[in-house]
């Protein structure tokens, strides 16, 4: 919702949080078998620091109740949102973070922002979105040329591609490093997909 406010300026910690939300957040499950004595000490310190007199099951029930409440509030906000790019069928943390990143990056951004987006994986995410949308358009069109108006009345992947290309234009404007990154990333994947 904050990304819709054109007057809001994003700062580095907020951008860092936004980019970290784009990850699937599987780090904990990936590191499950790799506990060290230091991590065990941190876990026990955290456990006793937040110790409550409630038993484990009541804590879990309360956390689940809070999570359901938050999810319900988000769904209510999304239902009330007039934006056709976000609807209740595609709501997820990753989807909302992705949409916020696209909106922030589509604006006139300072140099530090363009650098951070490249260094922290934001451009990788945008290139991945371009690839997905080009693949979707290719799949819909098949081998024969298809009329755009007839083929894409509902999800309009070409409109999303246009948005993503404007975002990429803004990231490479006045940033030669970003331009070089986009050209060389995964052996020019972006250029191949755009040509396709």
Protein backbone atom coordinates (compact mmCIF):
# COMPACT_ATOMS: atom_id res chain seq x y z
CA UNK A 1 0.00 0.00 0.00
CA UNK A 2 2.89 2.35 0.75
CA UNK A 3 4.32 1.80 -2.72
CA UNK A 4 1.16 3.32 -4.19
CA UNK A 5 1.95 6.66 -2.55
CA UNK A 6 3.95 8.54 -5.19
CA UNK A 7 5.32 10.99 -2.60
CA UNK A 8 6.85 8.33 -0.38
CA UNK A 9 10.62 7.93 -0.56
CA UNK A 10 12.03 4.49 0.19
CA UNK A 11 15.07 4.16 2.42
CA UNK A 12 17.77 1.47 2.53
CA UNK A 13 16.35 -0.60 5.43
CA UNK A 14 12.91 -0.67 3.78
CA UNK A 15 14.41 -1.70 0.44
CA UNK A 16 16.45 -4.39 2.22
CA UNK A 17 13.28 -5.75 3.84
CA UNK A 18 11.41 -5.64 0.54
CA UNK A 19 14.15 -7.55 -1.28
CA UNK A 20 14.40 -10.13 1.49
CA UNK A 21 10.64 -10.75 1.21
CA UNK A 22 11.14 -11.76 -2.43
CA UNK A 23 13.01 -14.88 -1.25
CA UNK A 24 10.95 -18.00 -0.56
CA UNK A 25 12.17 -17.75 3.05
CA UNK A 26 13.34 -21.38 3.09
CA UNK A 27 16.58 -20.59 4.86
CA UNK A 28 15.51 -22.10 8.17
CA UNK A 29 14.44 -25.39 6.60
CA UNK A 30 17.66 -25.52 4.55
CA UNK A 31 19.77 -25.03 7.67
CA UNK A 32 17.84 -27.52 9.82
CA UNK A 33 20.64 -30.07 10.02
CA UNK A 34 23.46 -27.56 10.36
CA UNK A 35 23.11 -26.36 13.95
CA UNK A 36 26.24 -25.21 15.72
CA UNK A 37 26.78 -24.70 19.44
CA UNK A 38 26.47 -20.94 18.86
CA UNK A 39 23.03 -21.29 17.25
CA UNK A 40 21.91 -23.59 20.07
CA UNK A 41 23.00 -20.98 22.64
CA UNK A 42 21.13 -18.26 20.73
CA UNK A 43 17.99 -20.42 20.59
CA UNK A 44 18.06 -21.16 24.31
CA UNK A 45 18.71 -17.51 25.16
CA UNK A 46 15.77 -16.47 22.97
CA UNK A 47 13.59 -19.15 24.51
CA UNK A 48 14.20 -17.93 28.05
CA UNK A 49 14.16 -14.25 27.14
CA UNK A 50 10.60 -14.54 25.86
CA UNK A 51 9.50 -17.06 28.46
CA UNK A 52 5.83 -16.86 29.38
CA UNK A 53 3.84 -18.81 31.90
CA UNK A 54 1.65 -20.27 29.15
CA UNK A 55 2.19 -23.80 27.96
CA UNK A 56 3.40 -24.58 24.44
CA UNK A 57 -0.01 -25.52 22.98
CA UNK A 58 -1.71 -22.32 24.09
CA UNK A 59 1.16 -20.28 22.61
CA UNK A 60 0.79 -22.09 19.30
CA UNK A 61 -2.97 -21.54 19.31
CA UNK A 62 -2.50 -17.84 20.00
CA UNK A 63 0.08 -17.51 17.20
CA UNK A 64 -2.25 -19.31 14.78
CA UNK A 65 -5.14 -17.05 15.81
CA UNK A 66 -2.99 -13.94 15.29
CA UNK A 67 -1.85 -15.21 11.87
CA UNK A 68 -5.45 -15.86 10.78
CA UNK A 69 -6.38 -12.36 11.93
CA UNK A 70 -3.54 -10.79 9.92
CA UNK A 71 -4.42 -12.87 6.84
CA UNK A 72 -8.06 -11.80 7.12
CA UNK A 73 -7.07 -8.13 7.38
CA UNK A 74 -4.84 -8.45 4.30
CA UNK A 75 -7.62 -10.15 2.33
CA UNK A 76 -10.04 -7.40 3.35
CA UNK A 77 -7.57 -4.74 2.21
CA UNK A 78 -7.00 -6.54 -1.10
CA UNK A 79 -10.73 -6.92 -1.73
CA UNK A 80 -11.16 -3.19 -1.15
CA UNK A 81 -8.25 -2.36 -3.44
CA UNK A 82 -9.26 -1.10 -6.88
CA UNK A 83 -5.98 -2.22 -8.44
CA UNK A 84 -6.61 -4.96 -11.01
CA UNK A 85 -2.99 -6.18 -10.82
CA UNK A 86 -3.50 -7.55 -7.32
CA UNK A 87 -6.50 -9.68 -6.49
CA UNK A 88 -7.30 -12.17 -3.77
CA UNK A 89 -6.38 -15.16 -5.97
CA UNK A 90 -2.71 -14.15 -6.22
CA UNK A 91 -2.06 -12.71 -2.77
CA UNK A 92 1.17 -13.88 -1.21
CA UNK A 93 4.04 -12.17 0.55
CA UNK A 94 6.28 -12.70 -2.47
CA UNK A 95 3.66 -11.35 -4.90
CA UNK A 96 3.01 -8.22 -2.83
CA UNK A 97 6.74 -7.58 -2.34
CA UNK A 98 7.29 -8.06 -6.07
CA UNK A 99 4.55 -5.57 -6.94
CA UNK A 100 5.96 -3.04 -4.45
CA UNK A 101 9.46 -3.45 -5.93
CA UNK A 102 8.11 -2.87 -9.43
CA UNK A 103 6.22 0.24 -8.34
CA UNK A 104 9.15 1.75 -6.45
CA UNK A 105 11.61 0.97 -9.24
CA UNK A 106 9.34 2.43 -11.95
CA UNK A 107 9.77 5.88 -10.38
CA UNK A 108 12.69 8.25 -10.72
CA UNK A 109 15.08 6.70 -8.22
CA UNK A 110 18.41 7.87 -6.77
CA UNK A 111 21.70 6.22 -7.71
CA UNK A 112 22.01 4.34 -4.41
CA UNK A 113 18.62 2.69 -5.05
CA UNK A 114 19.62 1.44 -8.50
CA UNK A 115 22.88 0.07 -7.06
CA UNK A 116 21.14 -1.70 -4.16
CA UNK A 117 18.51 -3.25 -6.44
CA UNK A 118 21.27 -4.73 -8.58
CA UNK A 119 23.49 -5.86 -5.70
CA UNK A 120 20.70 -7.39 -3.59
CA UNK A 121 19.02 -9.40 -6.37
CA UNK A 122 16.15 -7.13 -7.35
CA UNK A 123 17.22 -7.03 -11.00
CA UNK A 124 17.47 -10.82 -11.02
CA UNK A 125 13.87 -10.96 -9.84
CA UNK A 126 12.69 -8.51 -12.52
CA UNK A 127 14.57 -10.44 -15.24
CA UNK A 128 12.90 -13.62 -13.99
CA UNK A 129 9.49 -11.94 -14.25
CA UNK A 130 10.25 -10.84 -17.82
CA UNK A 131 11.24 -14.43 -18.69
CA UNK A 132 8.04 -15.82 -17.17
CA UNK A 133 5.83 -13.35 -19.03
CA UNK A 134 7.60 -13.89 -22.35
CA UNK A 135 7.21 -17.65 -21.89
CA UNK A 136 3.53 -17.14 -21.09
CA UNK A 137 2.98 -15.01 -24.20
CA UNK A 138 4.87 -17.56 -26.31
CA UNK A 139 2.78 -20.38 -24.88
CA UNK A 140 -0.48 -18.52 -25.56
CA UNK A 141 0.51 -17.55 -29.08
CA UNK A 142 1.73 -21.00 -30.17
CA UNK A 143 3.53 -21.14 -33.47
CA UNK A 144 0.99 -19.11 -35.45
CA UNK A 145 0.57 -15.35 -34.96
CA UNK A 146 -2.44 -14.55 -32.81
CA UNK A 147 -4.39 -11.33 -32.42
CA UNK A 148 -3.41 -9.74 -29.10
CA UNK A 149 -6.90 -8.46 -28.32
CA UNK A 150 -8.44 -11.91 -28.79
CA UNK A 151 -5.74 -13.84 -26.96
CA UNK A 152 -5.10 -11.79 -23.82
CA UNK A 153 -8.35 -10.22 -22.68
CA UNK A 154 -8.12 -11.43 -19.09
CA UNK A 155 -4.60 -11.59 -17.70
CA UNK A 156 -3.00 -9.21 -20.26
CA UNK A 157 0.61 -10.43 -20.06
CA UNK A 158 1.74 -7.86 -22.63
CA UNK A 159 0.66 -5.02 -20.32
CA UNK A 160 2.77 -6.53 -17.54
CA UNK A 161 5.70 -6.92 -19.94
CA UNK A 162 5.39 -3.25 -20.85
CA UNK A 163 5.50 -2.31 -17.16
CA UNK A 164 8.54 -4.49 -16.56
CA UNK A 165 10.38 -3.02 -19.54
CA UNK A 166 9.68 0.50 -18.24
CA UNK A 167 11.11 -0.58 -14.87
CA UNK A 168 14.22 -1.95 -16.59
CA UNK A 169 14.58 1.27 -18.57
CA UNK A 170 14.50 3.25 -15.34
CA UNK A 171 17.12 1.01 -13.71
CA UNK A 172 19.60 1.32 -16.59
CA UNK A 173 19.06 5.04 -17.16
CA UNK A 174 22.19 6.82 -15.85
CA UNK A 175 23.62 3.53 -14.54
CA UNK A 176 26.15 1.87 -16.82
CA UNK A 177 26.76 -0.93 -14.30
CA UNK A 178 23.10 -1.91 -14.35
CA UNK A 179 23.08 -1.81 -18.15
CA UNK A 180 26.12 -4.10 -18.31
CA UNK A 181 24.55 -6.41 -15.73
CA UNK A 182 21.33 -6.73 -17.73
CA UNK A 183 23.27 -7.50 -20.91
CA UNK A 184 25.56 -10.10 -19.32
CA UNK A 185 23.20 -11.72 -16.80
CA UNK A 186 22.87 -15.47 -17.48
CA UNK A 187 24.48 -15.16 -20.91
CA UNK A 188 22.18 -12.37 -22.11
CA UNK A 189 18.97 -14.16 -21.06
CA UNK A 190 17.06 -10.87 -20.95
CA UNK A 191 18.06 -9.87 -24.49
CA UNK A 192 17.14 -13.31 -25.84
CA UNK A 193 13.74 -13.23 -24.16
CA UNK A 194 12.96 -9.70 -25.34
CA UNK A 195 13.98 -10.65 -28.89
CA UNK A 196 11.73 -13.67 -28.66
